[in-house]
């Protein structure tokens, strides 16, 4: 993905990597207060719950992030949305090696 971004913006891949590294913590800080928690879920509404795998950096000190099934380093996040598609809840990230049933 970084190579495609570099080509699109006519810069090097390392420049894209540095930009992503600089922006990621800022996005986390801005979005932190807008992530729905389990307390935000309306018990009177119906919800769809599913999991998704999100790619992440490969950390040698975190071998649990490596999914043998997908052969990637990722985190597993569970999400709940209302039937109209509004986000209702996001779980804390789980190690990518864990499947939804955990």
N, C-alpha and C. Protein backbone atom coordinates (compact mmCIF):
# COMPACT_ATOMS: atom_id res chain seq x y z
N UNK A 1 0.82 -1.18 0.00
CA UNK A 1 0.00 0.00 0.00
C UNK A 1 0.87 1.26 0.00
N UNK A 2 1.95 1.25 0.76
CA UNK A 2 2.82 2.42 0.80
C UNK A 2 3.43 2.70 -0.57
N UNK A 3 3.75 1.65 -1.30
CA UNK A 3 4.33 1.84 -2.63
C UNK A 3 3.33 2.53 -3.57
N UNK A 4 2.06 2.13 -3.47
CA UNK A 4 1.03 2.75 -4.30
C UNK A 4 0.83 4.22 -3.94
N UNK A 5 0.83 4.51 -2.63
CA UNK A 5 0.71 5.91 -2.19
C UNK A 5 1.90 6.74 -2.67
N UNK A 6 3.09 6.15 -2.58
CA UNK A 6 4.29 6.86 -3.03
C UNK A 6 4.20 7.20 -4.51
N UNK A 7 3.73 6.24 -5.29
CA UNK A 7 3.58 6.48 -6.72
C UNK A 7 2.53 7.55 -7.00
N UNK A 8 1.43 7.50 -6.27
CA UNK A 8 0.34 8.47 -6.46
C UNK A 8 0.81 9.89 -6.17
N UNK A 9 1.59 10.05 -5.10
CA UNK A 9 2.03 11.39 -4.68
C UNK A 9 3.43 11.74 -5.19
N UNK A 10 4.01 10.85 -6.00
CA UNK A 10 5.31 11.08 -6.61
C UNK A 10 6.39 11.37 -5.57
N UNK A 11 6.42 10.53 -4.53
CA UNK A 11 7.44 10.60 -3.49
C UNK A 11 7.96 9.19 -3.25
N UNK A 12 8.95 9.06 -2.39
CA UNK A 12 9.49 7.73 -2.10
C UNK A 12 8.62 7.00 -1.07
N UNK A 13 8.77 5.69 -1.05
CA UNK A 13 8.04 4.87 -0.07
C UNK A 13 8.44 5.24 1.33
N UNK A 14 9.71 5.55 1.56
CA UNK A 14 10.17 5.92 2.90
C UNK A 14 9.52 7.23 3.37
N UNK A 15 9.27 8.15 2.45
CA UNK A 15 8.57 9.39 2.81
C UNK A 15 7.15 9.08 3.26
N UNK A 16 6.47 8.20 2.54
CA UNK A 16 5.12 7.78 2.92
C UNK A 16 5.15 7.11 4.29
N UNK A 17 6.12 6.24 4.51
CA UNK A 17 6.25 5.56 5.80
C UNK A 17 6.41 6.55 6.95
N UNK A 18 7.25 7.56 6.75
CA UNK A 18 7.45 8.58 7.79
C UNK A 18 6.17 9.38 8.02
N UNK A 19 5.47 9.70 6.95
CA UNK A 19 4.22 10.46 7.08
C UNK A 19 3.17 9.65 7.85
N UNK A 20 3.05 8.39 7.53
CA UNK A 20 2.09 7.53 8.24
C UNK A 20 2.47 7.42 9.71
N UNK A 21 3.75 7.25 9.99
CA UNK A 21 4.20 7.16 11.38
C UNK A 21 3.93 8.44 12.15
N UNK A 22 4.00 9.57 11.48
CA UNK A 22 3.75 10.86 12.15
C UNK A 22 2.26 11.10 12.37
N UNK A 23 1.43 10.68 11.43
CA UNK A 23 0.00 10.98 11.49
C UNK A 23 -0.78 9.97 12.36
N UNK A 24 -0.35 8.73 12.40
CA UNK A 24 -1.09 7.69 13.12
C UNK A 24 -1.38 8.05 14.57
N UNK A 25 -0.39 8.49 15.38
CA UNK A 25 -0.71 8.84 16.76
C UNK A 25 -1.66 10.03 16.86
N UNK A 26 -1.57 10.96 15.93
CA UNK A 26 -2.47 12.11 15.94
C UNK A 26 -3.91 11.67 15.69
N UNK A 27 -4.10 10.77 14.73
CA UNK A 27 -5.44 10.25 14.47
C UNK A 27 -5.99 9.52 15.68
N UNK A 28 -5.14 8.73 16.33
CA UNK A 28 -5.56 8.02 17.53
C UNK A 28 -6.03 8.97 18.61
N UNK A 29 -5.30 10.05 18.81
CA UNK A 29 -5.67 11.03 19.83
C UNK A 29 -6.99 11.71 19.50
N UNK A 30 -7.19 12.05 18.23
CA UNK A 30 -8.40 12.75 17.82
C UNK A 30 -9.63 11.83 17.91
N UNK A 31 -9.47 10.58 17.50
CA UNK A 31 -10.60 9.66 17.43
C UNK A 31 -10.91 8.95 18.75
N UNK A 32 -9.99 8.99 19.70
CA UNK A 32 -10.14 8.24 20.94
C UNK A 32 -11.47 8.50 21.65
N UNK A 33 -11.91 9.73 21.70
CA UNK A 33 -13.15 10.07 22.39
C UNK A 33 -14.40 9.76 21.57
N UNK A 34 -14.24 9.31 20.34
CA UNK A 34 -15.38 9.06 19.46
C UNK A 34 -15.60 7.58 19.18
N UNK A 35 -14.86 6.72 19.87
CA UNK A 35 -15.02 5.28 19.67
C UNK A 35 -16.09 4.79 20.64
N UNK A 36 -17.20 4.24 20.13
CA UNK A 36 -18.27 3.79 21.02
C UNK A 36 -17.80 2.65 21.94
N UNK A 37 -18.23 2.71 23.18
CA UNK A 37 -17.91 1.67 24.15
C UNK A 37 -19.16 0.84 24.43
N UNK A 38 -19.01 -0.24 25.17
CA UNK A 38 -20.14 -1.11 25.47
C UNK A 38 -21.23 -0.34 26.24
N UNK A 39 -20.84 0.67 27.00
CA UNK A 39 -21.83 1.48 27.72
C UNK A 39 -22.70 2.31 26.77
N UNK A 40 -22.23 2.53 25.56
CA UNK A 40 -22.97 3.31 24.57
C UNK A 40 -24.03 2.48 23.83
N UNK A 41 -24.00 1.16 23.98
CA UNK A 41 -24.92 0.30 23.25
C UNK A 41 -26.33 0.43 23.82
N UNK A 42 -27.29 0.67 22.94
CA UNK A 42 -28.70 0.76 23.32
C UNK A 42 -29.27 -0.66 23.37
N UNK A 43 -29.56 -1.14 24.56
CA UNK A 43 -30.04 -2.51 24.74
C UNK A 43 -31.41 -2.73 24.11
N UNK A 44 -32.11 -1.68 23.77
CA UNK A 44 -33.45 -1.79 23.18
C UNK A 44 -33.40 -1.98 21.66
N UNK A 45 -32.24 -1.84 21.05
CA UNK A 45 -32.11 -1.96 19.60
C UNK A 45 -31.47 -3.30 19.24
N UNK A 46 -31.70 -3.74 18.04
CA UNK A 46 -31.05 -4.95 17.52
C UNK A 46 -29.72 -4.54 16.91
N UNK A 47 -28.75 -5.44 17.03
CA UNK A 47 -27.41 -5.15 16.53
C UNK A 47 -26.86 -6.32 15.73
N UNK A 48 -25.98 -6.01 14.82
CA UNK A 48 -25.21 -7.00 14.08
C UNK A 48 -23.80 -6.95 14.64
N UNK A 49 -23.27 -8.10 15.03
CA UNK A 49 -21.93 -8.17 15.61
C UNK A 49 -21.06 -9.03 14.70
N UNK A 50 -19.87 -8.52 14.41
CA UNK A 50 -18.94 -9.27 13.56
C UNK A 50 -17.52 -8.86 13.90
N UNK A 51 -16.60 -9.64 13.46
CA UNK A 51 -15.19 -9.33 13.69
C UNK A 51 -14.49 -9.00 12.39
N UNK A 52 -13.40 -8.30 12.52
CA UNK A 52 -12.59 -7.99 11.34
C UNK A 52 -11.13 -8.01 11.75
N UNK A 53 -10.28 -8.36 10.82
CA UNK A 53 -8.85 -8.36 11.05
C UNK A 53 -8.25 -7.11 10.43
N UNK A 54 -7.47 -6.39 11.22
CA UNK A 54 -6.84 -5.16 10.76
C UNK A 54 -5.33 -5.36 10.70
N UNK A 55 -4.72 -5.12 9.54
CA UNK A 55 -3.27 -5.29 9.44
C UNK A 55 -2.54 -4.30 10.34
N UNK A 56 -1.40 -4.72 10.85
CA UNK A 56 -0.58 -3.85 11.69
C UNK A 56 0.89 -4.17 11.46
N UNK A 57 1.73 -3.39 12.09
CA UNK A 57 3.16 -3.61 11.94
C UNK A 57 3.55 -4.95 12.55
N UNK A 58 4.60 -5.51 12.05
CA UNK A 58 5.12 -6.76 12.59
C UNK A 58 6.05 -6.44 13.74
N UNK A 59 5.65 -6.82 14.94
CA UNK A 59 6.44 -6.57 16.13
C UNK A 59 7.03 -7.89 16.61
N UNK A 60 8.34 -8.02 16.58
CA UNK A 60 9.00 -9.25 17.02
C UNK A 60 8.67 -9.57 18.47
N UNK A 61 8.45 -8.54 19.28
CA UNK A 61 8.16 -8.76 20.70
C UNK A 61 6.70 -9.15 20.93
N UNK A 62 5.86 -9.14 19.89
CA UNK A 62 4.44 -9.49 20.00
C UNK A 62 4.09 -10.62 19.02
N UNK A 63 4.60 -11.83 19.26
CA UNK A 63 4.34 -12.92 18.31
C UNK A 63 2.87 -13.29 18.18
N UNK A 64 2.04 -12.93 19.17
CA UNK A 64 0.62 -13.24 19.10
C UNK A 64 -0.13 -12.48 18.02
N UNK A 65 0.49 -11.44 17.48
CA UNK A 65 -0.16 -10.67 16.42
C UNK A 65 -0.15 -11.40 15.08
N UNK A 66 0.72 -12.40 14.96
CA UNK A 66 0.86 -13.11 13.68
C UNK A 66 -0.22 -14.18 13.56
N UNK A 67 -1.05 -14.06 12.53
CA UNK A 67 -2.09 -15.03 12.24
C UNK A 67 -1.52 -16.08 11.30
N UNK A 68 -1.42 -17.32 11.78
CA UNK A 68 -0.91 -18.39 10.92
C UNK A 68 -1.88 -18.66 9.77
N UNK A 69 -3.17 -18.52 10.04
CA UNK A 69 -4.17 -18.77 9.01
C UNK A 69 -4.04 -17.79 7.86
N UNK A 70 -3.82 -16.52 8.18
CA UNK A 70 -3.76 -15.48 7.14
C UNK A 70 -2.33 -15.14 6.74
N UNK A 71 -1.37 -15.64 7.49
CA UNK A 71 0.06 -15.39 7.24
C UNK A 71 0.38 -13.90 7.22
N UNK A 72 -0.25 -13.17 8.16
CA UNK A 72 -0.04 -11.73 8.27
C UNK A 72 0.03 -11.35 9.75
N UNK A 73 0.50 -10.15 10.01
CA UNK A 73 0.47 -9.59 11.35
C UNK A 73 -0.72 -8.67 11.41
N UNK A 74 -1.63 -8.95 12.37
CA UNK A 74 -2.87 -8.20 12.42
C UNK A 74 -3.49 -8.26 13.81
N UNK A 75 -4.46 -7.38 14.04
CA UNK A 75 -5.25 -7.42 15.26
C UNK A 75 -6.69 -7.75 14.88
N UNK A 76 -7.40 -8.39 15.80
CA UNK A 76 -8.78 -8.78 15.61
C UNK A 76 -9.64 -7.82 16.41
N UNK A 77 -10.60 -7.18 15.76
CA UNK A 77 -11.49 -6.23 16.42
C UNK A 77 -12.92 -6.67 16.19
N UNK A 78 -13.71 -6.71 17.25
CA UNK A 78 -15.13 -7.02 17.16
C UNK A 78 -15.91 -5.70 17.08
N UNK A 79 -16.92 -5.65 16.25
CA UNK A 79 -17.72 -4.43 16.12
C UNK A 79 -19.20 -4.80 16.17
N UNK A 80 -20.00 -3.87 16.67
CA UNK A 80 -21.45 -4.02 16.65
C UNK A 80 -22.01 -2.78 15.96
N UNK A 81 -23.00 -3.00 15.08
CA UNK A 81 -23.67 -1.88 14.43
C UNK A 81 -25.17 -2.09 14.49
N UNK A 82 -25.91 -1.02 14.36
CA UNK A 82 -27.36 -1.12 14.33
C UNK A 82 -27.78 -1.64 12.96
N UNK A 83 -29.03 -1.99 12.83
CA UNK A 83 -29.52 -2.52 11.56
C UNK A 83 -29.46 -1.49 10.43
N UNK A 84 -29.41 -0.19 10.79
CA UNK A 84 -29.27 0.83 9.74
C UNK A 84 -27.80 1.13 9.41
N UNK A 85 -26.88 0.40 10.05
CA UNK A 85 -25.46 0.53 9.74
C UNK A 85 -24.66 1.48 10.61
N UNK A 86 -25.29 2.07 11.63
CA UNK A 86 -24.56 2.98 12.52
C UNK A 86 -23.69 2.18 13.49
N UNK A 87 -22.46 2.61 13.64
CA UNK A 87 -21.54 1.94 14.55
C UNK A 87 -22.02 2.11 15.99
N UNK A 88 -22.13 0.99 16.72
CA UNK A 88 -22.62 1.04 18.09
C UNK A 88 -21.54 0.71 19.11
N UNK A 89 -20.55 -0.07 18.73
CA UNK A 89 -19.53 -0.50 19.69
C UNK A 89 -18.32 -1.06 18.95
N UNK A 90 -17.15 -0.86 19.52
CA UNK A 90 -15.90 -1.43 19.01
C UNK A 90 -15.17 -2.04 20.19
N UNK A 91 -14.73 -3.29 20.05
CA UNK A 91 -13.99 -3.94 21.13
C UNK A 91 -12.56 -3.43 21.19
N UNK A 92 -11.91 -3.77 22.26
CA UNK A 92 -10.47 -3.53 22.30
C UNK A 92 -9.84 -4.51 21.31
N UNK A 93 -8.67 -4.20 20.77
CA UNK A 93 -8.05 -5.12 19.80
C UNK A 93 -7.54 -6.38 20.50
N UNK A 94 -7.75 -7.51 19.86
CA UNK A 94 -7.23 -8.79 20.31
C UNK A 94 -6.09 -9.19 19.39
N UNK A 95 -5.25 -10.09 19.87
CA UNK A 95 -4.15 -10.58 19.03
C UNK A 95 -4.71 -11.21 17.77
N UNK A 96 -4.03 -11.01 16.66
CA UNK A 96 -4.48 -11.53 15.38
C UNK A 96 -4.54 -13.03 15.30
N UNK A 97 -3.82 -13.72 16.17
CA UNK A 97 -3.85 -15.18 16.14
C UNK A 97 -5.16 -15.72 16.71
N UNK A 98 -5.92 -14.87 17.44
CA UNK A 98 -7.18 -15.30 18.02
C UNK A 98 -8.32 -15.14 17.03
N UNK A 99 -9.21 -16.09 17.02
CA UNK A 99 -10.35 -16.05 16.11
C UNK A 99 -11.55 -15.44 16.82
N UNK A 100 -12.60 -15.14 16.07
CA UNK A 100 -13.79 -14.48 16.61
C UNK A 100 -14.39 -15.22 17.81
N UNK A 101 -14.34 -16.53 17.82
CA UNK A 101 -15.01 -17.28 18.88
C UNK A 101 -14.33 -17.09 20.24
N UNK A 102 -13.13 -16.52 20.30
CA UNK A 102 -12.48 -16.26 21.57
C UNK A 102 -13.13 -15.06 22.23
